[in-house]
Amino acid sequence: MGMDRDEAESVAVREYGSGLTTGGGADRISAGFLHTVHPDTGNDVVFVPGEALPDWAVAVQTEQVAARMRPRAATEQQEAAKGRKSIKSAEAGAPS
């Protein structure tokens, strides 16, 4: 049957200073499995899809999304500038 309102309020866990909000927007929700390291403890952390993210995890997710969105050509140019070349680029230019 469920709990009545008074009982639900008495067992509710309040959020204090955790950096999480219930209305923070879509960027504060894990878009997939987010594997990262906690910046304070160094422990491996995994957030599941739909889980609310603290500020530091939002930054990690944003960087990962940005990395996936970067054009492949820009990545190859960066590697070439470091003296590296992708194998596919070398094969594409090879004579048949």
C-alpha atoms as a PDB file:
ATOM      1  CA  MET A   1       0.000   0.000   0.000  1.00  0.00           C
ATOM      2  CA  GLY A   2       2.940   2.352   0.566  1.00  0.00           C
ATOM      3  CA  MET A   3       3.809   5.020   3.102  1.00  0.00           C
ATOM      4  CA  ASP A   4       1.723   7.972   4.086  1.00  0.00           C
ATOM      5  CA  ARG A   5       3.217  11.474   3.737  1.00  0.00           C
ATOM      6  CA  ASP A   6       4.339  11.794   7.391  1.00  0.00           C
ATOM      7  CA  GLU A   7       6.103   8.432   7.330  1.00  0.00           C
ATOM      8  CA  ALA A   8       7.808   9.234   4.016  1.00  0.00           C
ATOM      9  CA  GLU A   9       9.073  12.576   5.338  1.00  0.00           C
ATOM     10  CA  SER A  10      10.425  10.933   8.488  1.00  0.00           C
ATOM     11  CA  VAL A  11      12.574   8.431   6.547  1.00  0.00           C
ATOM     12  CA  ALA A  12      13.636  10.773   3.730  1.00  0.00           C
ATOM     13  CA  VAL A  13      17.387  11.379   3.426  1.00  0.00           C
ATOM     14  CA  ARG A  14      18.189  15.062   3.117  1.00  0.00           C
ATOM     15  CA  GLU A  15      20.958  16.311   0.796  1.00  0.00           C
ATOM     16  CA  TYR A  16      23.452  18.576   2.521  1.00  0.00           C
ATOM     17  CA  GLY A  17      26.544  19.968   0.808  1.00  0.00           C
ATOM     18  CA  SER A  18      26.952  16.986  -1.495  1.00  0.00           C
ATOM     19  CA  GLY A  19      26.986  19.125  -4.630  1.00  0.00           C
ATOM     20  CA  LEU A  20      23.943  17.264  -5.929  1.00  0.00           C
ATOM     21  CA  THR A  21      20.619  18.801  -6.779  1.00  0.00           C
ATOM     22  CA  THR A  22      17.333  17.357  -7.905  1.00  0.00           C
ATOM     23  CA  GLY A  23      16.724  20.036 -10.549  1.00  0.00           C
ATOM     24  CA  GLY A  24      20.227  20.725 -11.831  1.00  0.00           C
ATOM     25  CA  GLY A  25      19.591  19.937 -15.481  1.00  0.00           C
ATOM     26  CA  ALA A  26      20.468  17.139 -17.851  1.00  0.00           C
ATOM     27  CA  ASP A  27      24.225  17.795 -17.634  1.00  0.00           C
ATOM     28  CA  ARG A  28      24.132  16.807 -13.944  1.00  0.00           C
ATOM     29  CA  ILE A  29      22.814  13.318 -14.798  1.00  0.00           C
ATOM     30  CA  SER A  30      25.093  10.489 -15.882  1.00  0.00           C
ATOM     31  CA  ALA A  31      24.477   9.817 -19.574  1.00  0.00           C
ATOM     32  CA  GLY A  32      25.986   6.331 -19.364  1.00  0.00           C
ATOM     33  CA  PHE A  33      28.396   4.361 -17.213  1.00  0.00           C
ATOM     34  CA  LEU A  34      30.947   6.950 -16.089  1.00  0.00           C
ATOM     35  CA  HIS A  35      34.187   5.354 -14.846  1.00  0.00           C
ATOM     36  CA  THR A  36      36.448   7.836 -13.073  1.00  0.00           C
ATOM     37  CA  VAL A  37      38.596   8.407  -9.987  1.00  0.00           C
ATOM     38  CA  HIS A  38      37.396  10.412  -6.984  1.00  0.00           C
ATOM     39  CA  PRO A  39      39.621  13.518  -6.781  1.00  0.00           C
ATOM     40  CA  ASP A  40      39.835  13.504  -2.965  1.00  0.00           C
ATOM     41  CA  THR A  41      40.178   9.809  -2.146  1.00  0.00           C
ATOM     42  CA  GLY A  42      41.751   8.374  -5.320  1.00  0.00           C
ATOM     43  CA  ASN A  43      39.169   5.554  -5.287  1.00  0.00           C
ATOM     44  CA  ASP A  44      37.689   4.259  -8.531  1.00  0.00           C
ATOM     45  CA  VAL A  45      34.084   5.408  -8.918  1.00  0.00           C
ATOM     46  CA  VAL A  46      31.404   4.262 -11.368  1.00  0.00           C
ATOM     47  CA  PHE A  47      28.231   6.257 -11.916  1.00  0.00           C
ATOM     48  CA  VAL A  48      25.337   4.412 -13.544  1.00  0.00           C
ATOM     49  CA  PRO A  49      23.092   5.872 -16.264  1.00  0.00           C
ATOM     50  CA  GLY A  50      20.590   8.321 -14.800  1.00  0.00           C
ATOM     51  CA  GLU A  51      22.508   8.854 -11.553  1.00  0.00           C
ATOM     52  CA  ALA A  52      22.928  12.421 -10.269  1.00  0.00           C
ATOM     53  CA  LEU A  53      26.536  13.631 -10.521  1.00  0.00           C
ATOM     54  CA  PRO A  54      28.536  15.810  -8.123  1.00  0.00           C
ATOM     55  CA  ASP A  55      30.341  18.848  -9.574  1.00  0.00           C
ATOM     56  CA  TRP A  56      33.661  17.065 -10.129  1.00  0.00           C
ATOM     57  CA  ALA A  57      31.982  14.192 -12.006  1.00  0.00           C
ATOM     58  CA  VAL A  58      30.035  16.647 -14.207  1.00  0.00           C
ATOM     59  CA  ALA A  59      33.398  18.090 -15.288  1.00  0.00           C
ATOM     60  CA  VAL A  60      34.718  14.585 -16.107  1.00  0.00           C
ATOM     61  CA  GLN A  61      31.607  13.705 -18.130  1.00  0.00           C
ATOM     62  CA  THR A  62      31.733  17.030 -19.993  1.00  0.00           C
ATOM     63  CA  GLU A  63      35.387  16.450 -20.958  1.00  0.00           C
ATOM     64  CA  GLN A  64      34.658  12.907 -22.142  1.00  0.00           C
ATOM     65  CA  VAL A  65      31.749  14.111 -24.290  1.00  0.00           C
ATOM     66  CA  ALA A  66      33.906  16.914 -25.727  1.00  0.00           C
ATOM     67  CA  ALA A  67      36.669  14.415 -26.546  1.00  0.00           C
ATOM     68  CA  ARG A  68      34.202  12.241 -28.478  1.00  0.00           C
ATOM     69  CA  MET A  69      32.902  15.274 -30.356  1.00  0.00           C
ATOM     70  CA  ARG A  70      36.322  16.494 -31.532  1.00  0.00           C
ATOM     71  CA  PRO A  71      36.852  15.878 -35.228  1.00  0.00           C
ATOM     72  CA  ARG A  72      39.118  12.973 -36.108  1.00  0.00           C
ATOM     73  CA  ALA A  73      41.189  15.183 -38.407  1.00  0.00           C
ATOM     74  CA  ALA A  74      42.095  17.501 -35.546  1.00  0.00           C
ATOM     75  CA  THR A  75      43.304  14.512 -33.527  1.00  0.00           C
ATOM     76  CA  GLU A  76      45.427  13.294 -36.448  1.00  0.00           C
ATOM     77  CA  GLN A  77      46.929  16.778 -36.859  1.00  0.00           C
ATOM     78  CA  GLN A  78      47.839  16.827 -33.173  1.00  0.00           C
ATOM     79  CA  GLU A  79      49.511  13.407 -33.478  1.00  0.00           C
ATOM     80  CA  ALA A  80      51.389  14.510 -36.613  1.00  0.00           C
ATOM     81  CA  ALA A  81      52.635  17.574 -34.745  1.00  0.00           C
ATOM     82  CA  LYS A  82      54.059  15.222 -32.110  1.00  0.00           C
ATOM     83  CA  GLY A  83      55.849  13.213 -34.799  1.00  0.00           C
ATOM     84  CA  ARG A  84      53.306  10.390 -34.878  1.00  0.00           C
ATOM     85  CA  LYS A  85      51.090   9.302 -37.714  1.00  0.00           C
ATOM     86  CA  SER A  86      48.033   7.079 -37.707  1.00  0.00           C
ATOM     87  CA  ILE A  87      48.354   3.758 -39.524  1.00  0.00           C
ATOM     88  CA  LYS A  88      45.207   4.418 -41.578  1.00  0.00           C
ATOM     89  CA  SER A  89      46.638   7.702 -42.885  1.00  0.00           C
ATOM     90  CA  ALA A  90      49.827   5.931 -43.971  1.00  0.00           C
ATOM     91  CA  GLU A  91      47.892   3.121 -45.684  1.00  0.00           C
ATOM     92  CA  ALA A  92      45.636   5.562 -47.525  1.00  0.00           C
ATOM     93  CA  GLY A  93      48.626   7.252 -49.148  1.00  0.00           C
ATOM     94  CA  ALA A  94      50.449   4.032 -50.073  1.00  0.00           C
ATOM     95  CA  PRO A  95      50.554   3.109 -53.777  1.00  0.00           C
ATOM     96  CA  SER A  96      48.522   0.089 -54.891  1.00  0.00           C
END
